[in-house]
Protein backbone atom coordinates (compact mmCIF):
# COMPACT_ATOMS: atom_id res chain seq x y z
CA MET A 1 30.12 -33.12 32.98
CA THR A 2 27.10 -32.66 30.79
CA THR A 3 26.77 -30.32 27.91
CA ALA A 4 23.67 -28.19 27.84
CA THR A 5 22.39 -26.72 24.63
CA PHE A 6 21.38 -23.14 24.95
CA HIS A 7 19.35 -21.33 22.36
CA THR A 8 20.76 -17.89 22.52
CA SER A 9 20.61 -15.44 19.76
CA SER A 10 23.96 -14.24 18.68
CA PRO A 11 24.43 -10.66 17.57
CA LEU A 12 24.70 -11.93 14.00
CA SER A 13 21.38 -13.77 14.13
CA ALA A 14 19.73 -10.73 15.72
CA ARG A 15 21.04 -8.56 12.90
CA THR A 16 19.87 -11.08 10.34
CA HIS A 17 16.41 -11.13 11.91
CA GLY A 18 16.36 -7.35 12.01
CA ALA A 19 17.36 -7.18 8.36
CA ARG A 20 14.56 -9.59 7.46
CA VAL A 21 12.02 -7.54 9.38
CA LEU A 22 13.29 -4.34 7.79
CA GLY A 23 13.19 -6.01 4.38
CA LEU A 24 9.58 -7.06 4.91
CA ASP A 25 8.67 -3.56 6.06
CA LEU A 26 10.30 -2.09 2.96
CA ILE A 27 8.42 -4.54 0.75
CA ARG A 28 5.12 -3.65 2.45
CA PHE A 29 5.89 0.05 2.03
CA ALA A 30 6.73 -0.48 -1.65
CA HIS A 31 3.41 -2.29 -2.17
CA TYR A 32 1.60 0.59 -0.45
CA VAL A 33 3.32 3.18 -2.68
CA LEU A 34 2.47 1.13 -5.77
CA ALA A 35 -1.17 0.97 -4.65
CA CYS A 36 -1.16 4.74 -4.13
CA LEU A 37 0.24 5.26 -7.63
CA GLU A 38 -2.43 3.01 -9.12
CA VAL A 39 -5.24 4.85 -7.31
CA ALA A 40 -3.78 8.20 -8.44
CA ARG A 41 -3.78 6.90 -12.03
CA GLN A 42 -7.41 5.82 -11.68
CA ARG A 43 -8.35 9.24 -10.28
CA ARG A 44 -6.67 10.98 -13.23
CA GLN A 45 -8.60 8.73 -15.61
CA LEU A 46 -11.82 9.50 -13.77
CA MET A 47 -11.33 13.19 -14.52
CA THR A 48 -11.19 12.47 -18.26
CA LEU A 49 -14.67 10.92 -18.34
CA ASP A 50 -17.57 12.91 -19.75
CA GLU A 51 -20.94 13.26 -18.01
CA ARG A 52 -22.42 10.22 -19.80
CA ALA A 53 -19.49 7.98 -18.81
CA LEU A 54 -19.63 9.21 -15.21
CA LYS A 55 -23.34 8.41 -15.13
CA ASP A 56 -22.53 4.90 -16.43
CA VAL A 57 -20.26 4.30 -13.44
CA GLY A 58 -22.81 5.80 -11.08
CA ILE A 59 -21.25 9.11 -10.05
CA ASN A 60 -21.65 12.75 -10.98
CA ARG A 61 -19.05 15.42 -11.75
CA ALA A 62 -19.04 16.70 -8.15
CA ASP A 63 -18.29 13.19 -6.85
CA ALA A 64 -15.54 12.76 -9.46
CA ASP A 65 -14.01 16.11 -8.50
CA HIS A 66 -14.12 15.17 -4.82
CA GLU A 67 -12.47 11.80 -5.49
CA ALA A 68 -9.78 13.36 -7.67
CA GLY A 69 -9.02 15.91 -4.95
CA ARG A 70 -8.20 13.29 -2.33
CA ASP A 71 -4.63 13.06 -1.08
CA PHE A 72 -2.19 10.73 -2.83
CA TRP A 73 -1.87 8.46 0.21
CA ASP A 74 -5.62 8.41 0.91
CA ILE A 75 -6.60 5.17 -0.76
CA PRO A 76 -9.72 3.06 -0.18
CA GLU A 77 -9.43 0.23 2.30
CA GLU A 78 -10.21 -2.39 -0.35
CA GLN A 79 -7.18 -1.23 -2.37
CA MET A 80 -4.75 -1.39 0.55
CA PRO A 81 -2.10 -4.07 0.02
CA ARG A 82 -2.69 -7.29 1.93
CA ARG A 83 -0.16 -8.42 4.51
């Protein structure tokens, strides 16, 4: 009689894998929320700049108002957390 080795996933290993995946998803979500908070902070700072400072960064008051009015979760692609 020969013994065959089977690679089956036990319910415990499936749960462990699921917990790891969920953990990674939660970490990614936390990074996204932190990025949103940082962008919101930058938008608040933008609104404190005077006309001369806005001109120095290359935008006008209307552009600053538009940027500050964007939704909390609406962040630029380049500030999205990397996977």
